Amino acid sequence: MAEARAVLTVLGVDRIGIVAAVTTALAEMQVNIEDIRMALLDDMFTMIAMVDVGGGLAPFGQIQTTLQAVGDRLGVQVLLQREETFRAMQRV
């Protein structure tokens, strides 16, 4: 299947297990992480990643829903946007 890139952002109060839970969910759905950056600003955790959802085992909407559920369970905001949507929003 062709590459289909998306931008994943995670934001919330830092706690143990955020990275593990998000990356485990991605791996289970065969979503590849192409690039990732994380930062801790005081007690706020931030993560942004470029991911390839083209080879995933689930449709894009299901990947979004699964990641949002992970975020809800951890008390953090998780947003997955198609790369073209993310780039279009940055031009506004």
N, C-alpha and C. Protein backbone atom coordinates (compact mmCIF):
# COMPACT_ATOMS: atom_id res chain seq x y z
N MET A 1 0.85 -1.18 0.00
CA MET A 1 0.00 0.00 0.00
C MET A 1 0.90 1.24 0.00
N ALA A 2 0.45 2.30 -0.63
CA ALA A 2 1.23 3.53 -0.73
C ALA A 2 1.37 4.19 0.64
N GLU A 3 2.48 4.94 0.75
CA GLU A 3 2.72 5.67 2.00
C GLU A 3 1.62 6.71 2.19
N ALA A 4 1.12 6.81 3.39
CA ALA A 4 0.12 7.81 3.75
C ALA A 4 0.57 8.39 5.09
N ARG A 5 1.17 9.57 5.04
CA ARG A 5 1.73 10.13 6.26
C ARG A 5 0.70 10.93 7.03
N ALA A 6 0.90 10.93 8.35
CA ALA A 6 0.03 11.67 9.25
C ALA A 6 0.88 12.25 10.37
N VAL A 7 0.37 13.32 10.98
CA VAL A 7 1.04 13.98 12.10
C VAL A 7 0.29 13.62 13.37
N LEU A 8 1.02 13.08 14.33
CA LEU A 8 0.46 12.69 15.62
C LEU A 8 0.98 13.65 16.68
N THR A 9 0.08 14.24 17.45
CA THR A 9 0.49 15.10 18.56
C THR A 9 -0.12 14.58 19.85
N VAL A 10 0.66 14.68 20.91
CA VAL A 10 0.22 14.26 22.24
C VAL A 10 0.59 15.38 23.20
N LEU A 11 -0.35 15.78 24.04
CA LEU A 11 -0.11 16.88 24.97
C LEU A 11 -0.86 16.59 26.27
N GLY A 12 -0.18 16.78 27.39
CA GLY A 12 -0.83 16.61 28.67
C GLY A 12 0.15 16.63 29.81
N VAL A 13 -0.37 16.50 31.00
CA VAL A 13 0.47 16.45 32.19
C VAL A 13 1.29 15.17 32.14
N ASP A 14 2.58 15.29 32.39
CA ASP A 14 3.49 14.15 32.31
C ASP A 14 3.12 13.07 33.32
N ARG A 15 3.27 11.85 32.87
CA ARG A 15 3.11 10.69 33.75
C ARG A 15 3.81 9.51 33.11
N ILE A 16 4.09 8.53 33.90
CA ILE A 16 4.76 7.33 33.40
C ILE A 16 3.82 6.59 32.44
N GLY A 17 4.37 6.15 31.32
CA GLY A 17 3.63 5.27 30.42
C GLY A 17 3.01 5.91 29.19
N ILE A 18 3.12 7.22 29.04
CA ILE A 18 2.50 7.87 27.87
C ILE A 18 3.13 7.34 26.58
N VAL A 19 4.43 7.44 26.48
CA VAL A 19 5.12 7.01 25.26
C VAL A 19 4.89 5.52 25.01
N ALA A 20 4.98 4.73 26.05
CA ALA A 20 4.79 3.28 25.91
C ALA A 20 3.39 2.96 25.38
N ALA A 21 2.37 3.60 25.93
CA ALA A 21 1.00 3.30 25.52
C ALA A 21 0.74 3.73 24.09
N VAL A 22 1.19 4.91 23.72
CA VAL A 22 0.94 5.42 22.37
C VAL A 22 1.71 4.60 21.34
N THR A 23 2.98 4.33 21.60
CA THR A 23 3.77 3.58 20.62
C THR A 23 3.34 2.12 20.53
N THR A 24 2.88 1.55 21.63
CA THR A 24 2.36 0.18 21.59
C THR A 24 1.11 0.12 20.72
N ALA A 25 0.21 1.09 20.88
CA ALA A 25 -1.01 1.12 20.05
C ALA A 25 -0.64 1.26 18.57
N LEU A 26 0.33 2.12 18.26
CA LEU A 26 0.77 2.27 16.88
C LEU A 26 1.32 0.95 16.34
N ALA A 27 2.18 0.31 17.10
CA ALA A 27 2.79 -0.95 16.66
C ALA A 27 1.74 -2.03 16.44
N GLU A 28 0.77 -2.11 17.31
CA GLU A 28 -0.29 -3.12 17.17
C GLU A 28 -1.10 -2.92 15.90
N MET A 29 -1.18 -1.67 15.42
CA MET A 29 -1.92 -1.38 14.19
C MET A 29 -1.00 -1.31 12.97
N GLN A 30 0.30 -1.67 13.15
CA GLN A 30 1.29 -1.66 12.08
C GLN A 30 1.49 -0.26 11.49
N VAL A 31 1.42 0.76 12.35
CA VAL A 31 1.68 2.14 11.94
C VAL A 31 3.15 2.44 12.27
N ASN A 32 3.90 2.85 11.25
CA ASN A 32 5.33 3.09 11.42
C ASN A 32 5.61 4.53 11.84
N ILE A 33 6.46 4.71 12.84
CA ILE A 33 6.91 6.03 13.26
C ILE A 33 8.12 6.38 12.42
N GLU A 34 8.01 7.46 11.63
CA GLU A 34 9.11 7.89 10.77
C GLU A 34 10.01 8.90 11.46
N ASP A 35 9.43 9.74 12.30
CA ASP A 35 10.21 10.75 13.03
C ASP A 35 9.41 11.09 14.29
N ILE A 36 10.12 11.38 15.37
CA ILE A 36 9.43 11.67 16.63
C ILE A 36 10.25 12.64 17.46
N ARG A 37 9.56 13.57 18.10
CA ARG A 37 10.19 14.52 19.01
C ARG A 37 9.34 14.61 20.26
N MET A 38 10.01 14.68 21.39
CA MET A 38 9.31 14.81 22.67
C MET A 38 9.99 15.88 23.49
N ALA A 39 9.21 16.54 24.33
CA ALA A 39 9.76 17.54 25.23
C ALA A 39 8.94 17.57 26.51
N LEU A 40 9.59 17.92 27.57
CA LEU A 40 8.93 18.10 28.85
C LEU A 40 9.10 19.57 29.24
N LEU A 41 8.00 20.29 29.35
CA LEU A 41 8.01 21.69 29.73
C LEU A 41 7.38 21.79 31.11
N ASP A 42 8.24 21.90 32.12
CA ASP A 42 7.80 21.81 33.51
C ASP A 42 7.13 20.45 33.69
N ASP A 43 5.83 20.39 33.95
CA ASP A 43 5.18 19.10 34.09
C ASP A 43 4.31 18.73 32.88
N MET A 44 4.45 19.50 31.79
CA MET A 44 3.67 19.26 30.58
C MET A 44 4.48 18.43 29.58
N PHE A 45 3.93 17.30 29.18
CA PHE A 45 4.55 16.42 28.19
C PHE A 45 4.03 16.79 26.81
N THR A 46 4.94 16.89 25.85
CA THR A 46 4.55 17.14 24.47
C THR A 46 5.27 16.14 23.57
N MET A 47 4.55 15.68 22.57
CA MET A 47 5.15 14.77 21.60
C MET A 47 4.54 15.07 20.24
N ILE A 48 5.38 15.08 19.22
CA ILE A 48 4.91 15.19 17.85
C ILE A 48 5.66 14.14 17.05
N ALA A 49 4.92 13.44 16.20
CA ALA A 49 5.52 12.38 15.40
C ALA A 49 4.94 12.39 14.00
N MET A 50 5.79 12.04 13.04
CA MET A 50 5.34 11.80 11.68
C MET A 50 5.22 10.29 11.56
N VAL A 51 4.05 9.83 11.17
CA VAL A 51 3.80 8.40 11.09
C VAL A 51 3.30 8.02 9.70
N ASP A 52 3.55 6.78 9.32
CA ASP A 52 3.08 6.25 8.05
C ASP A 52 1.92 5.31 8.36
N VAL A 53 0.71 5.74 7.99
CA VAL A 53 -0.49 4.93 8.26
C VAL A 53 -0.87 4.10 7.04
N GLY A 54 -0.10 4.20 5.95
CA GLY A 54 -0.43 3.50 4.71
C GLY A 54 -0.34 1.99 4.80
N GLY A 55 0.53 1.50 5.65
CA GLY A 55 0.67 0.05 5.80
C GLY A 55 -0.07 -0.49 7.01
N GLY A 56 -0.89 0.36 7.61
CA GLY A 56 -1.58 -0.03 8.83
C GLY A 56 -2.63 -1.11 8.62
N LEU A 57 -2.95 -1.78 9.70
CA LEU A 57 -3.95 -2.84 9.67
C LEU A 57 -5.37 -2.31 9.78
N ALA A 58 -5.51 -1.01 10.03
CA ALA A 58 -6.84 -0.43 10.26
C ALA A 58 -6.99 0.81 9.38
N PRO A 59 -8.24 1.16 9.04
CA PRO A 59 -8.45 2.42 8.32
C PRO A 59 -8.08 3.61 9.19
N PHE A 60 -7.81 4.74 8.54
CA PHE A 60 -7.37 5.95 9.24
C PHE A 60 -8.29 6.32 10.40
N GLY A 61 -9.59 6.32 10.18
CA GLY A 61 -10.54 6.70 11.23
C GLY A 61 -10.46 5.80 12.45
N GLN A 62 -10.23 4.52 12.23
CA GLN A 62 -10.10 3.59 13.36
C GLN A 62 -8.80 3.83 14.11
N ILE A 63 -7.73 4.17 13.39
CA ILE A 63 -6.47 4.50 14.05
C ILE A 63 -6.66 5.73 14.92
N GLN A 64 -7.34 6.75 14.39
CA GLN A 64 -7.64 7.96 15.17
C GLN A 64 -8.41 7.60 16.44
N THR A 65 -9.47 6.82 16.28
CA THR A 65 -10.32 6.46 17.42
C THR A 65 -9.55 5.68 18.48
N THR A 66 -8.72 4.75 18.03
CA THR A 66 -7.92 3.96 18.97
C THR A 66 -6.95 4.85 19.75
N LEU A 67 -6.28 5.77 19.04
CA LEU A 67 -5.32 6.65 19.72
C LEU A 67 -6.02 7.62 20.66
N GLN A 68 -7.20 8.09 20.29
CA GLN A 68 -7.96 8.96 21.19
C GLN A 68 -8.35 8.21 22.46
N ALA A 69 -8.70 6.95 22.31
CA ALA A 69 -9.05 6.13 23.49
C ALA A 69 -7.84 5.95 24.40
N VAL A 70 -6.67 5.76 23.81
CA VAL A 70 -5.44 5.67 24.60
C VAL A 70 -5.23 6.97 25.36
N GLY A 71 -5.38 8.09 24.67
CA GLY A 71 -5.24 9.40 25.31
C GLY A 71 -6.24 9.60 26.44
N ASP A 72 -7.49 9.22 26.20
CA ASP A 72 -8.52 9.35 27.24
C ASP A 72 -8.15 8.54 28.47
N ARG A 73 -7.65 7.33 28.25
CA ARG A 73 -7.26 6.46 29.37
C ARG A 73 -6.12 7.08 30.18
N LEU A 74 -5.21 7.79 29.49
CA LEU A 74 -4.04 8.38 30.15
C LEU A 74 -4.27 9.82 30.62
N GLY A 75 -5.37 10.42 30.20
CA GLY A 75 -5.63 11.80 30.57
C GLY A 75 -4.82 12.80 29.78
N VAL A 76 -4.49 12.46 28.52
CA VAL A 76 -3.76 13.36 27.64
C VAL A 76 -4.54 13.54 26.35
N GLN A 77 -4.24 14.62 25.63
CA GLN A 77 -4.87 14.86 24.34
C GLN A 77 -4.03 14.20 23.25
N VAL A 78 -4.67 13.41 22.41
CA VAL A 78 -3.99 12.77 21.29
C VAL A 78 -4.74 13.15 20.02
N LEU A 79 -4.00 13.69 19.05
CA LEU A 79 -4.61 14.13 17.80
C LEU A 79 -3.81 13.55 16.64
N LEU A 80 -4.51 12.88 15.72
CA LEU A 80 -3.89 12.35 14.51
C LEU A 80 -4.53 13.04 13.32
N GLN A 81 -3.69 13.70 12.50
CA GLN A 81 -4.19 14.40 11.32
C GLN A 81 -3.41 13.94 10.10
N ARG A 82 -4.10 13.79 8.99
CA ARG A 82 -3.39 13.50 7.74
C ARG A 82 -2.39 14.64 7.48
N GLU A 83 -1.25 14.31 6.92
CA GLU A 83 -0.21 15.32 6.69
C GLU A 83 -0.73 16.50 5.87
N GLU A 84 -1.50 16.22 4.83
CA GLU A 84 -1.99 17.31 4.00
C GLU A 84 -2.94 18.23 4.76
N THR A 85 -3.72 17.69 5.68
CA THR A 85 -4.60 18.51 6.51
C THR A 85 -3.78 19.38 7.45
N PHE A 86 -2.79 18.78 8.08
CA PHE A 86 -1.92 19.51 9.00
C PHE A 86 -1.22 20.67 8.27
N ARG A 87 -0.68 20.38 7.09
CA ARG A 87 0.03 21.42 6.33
C ARG A 87 -0.91 22.53 5.88
N ALA A 88 -2.12 22.17 5.48
CA ALA A 88 -3.10 23.17 5.06
C ALA A 88 -3.47 24.09 6.21
N MET A 89 -3.61 23.54 7.41
CA MET A 89 -3.95 24.35 8.57
C MET A 89 -2.83 25.30 8.94
N GLN A 90 -1.59 24.94 8.65
CA GLN A 90 -0.45 25.79 8.96
C GLN A 90 -0.36 26.98 8.01
N ARG A 91 -0.99 26.88 6.85
CA ARG A 91 -0.97 27.98 5.88
C ARG A 91 -2.00 29.06 6.22
N VAL A 92 -2.97 28.74 7.06
CA VAL A 92 -4.05 29.68 7.40
C VAL A 92 -3.53 30.79 8.29
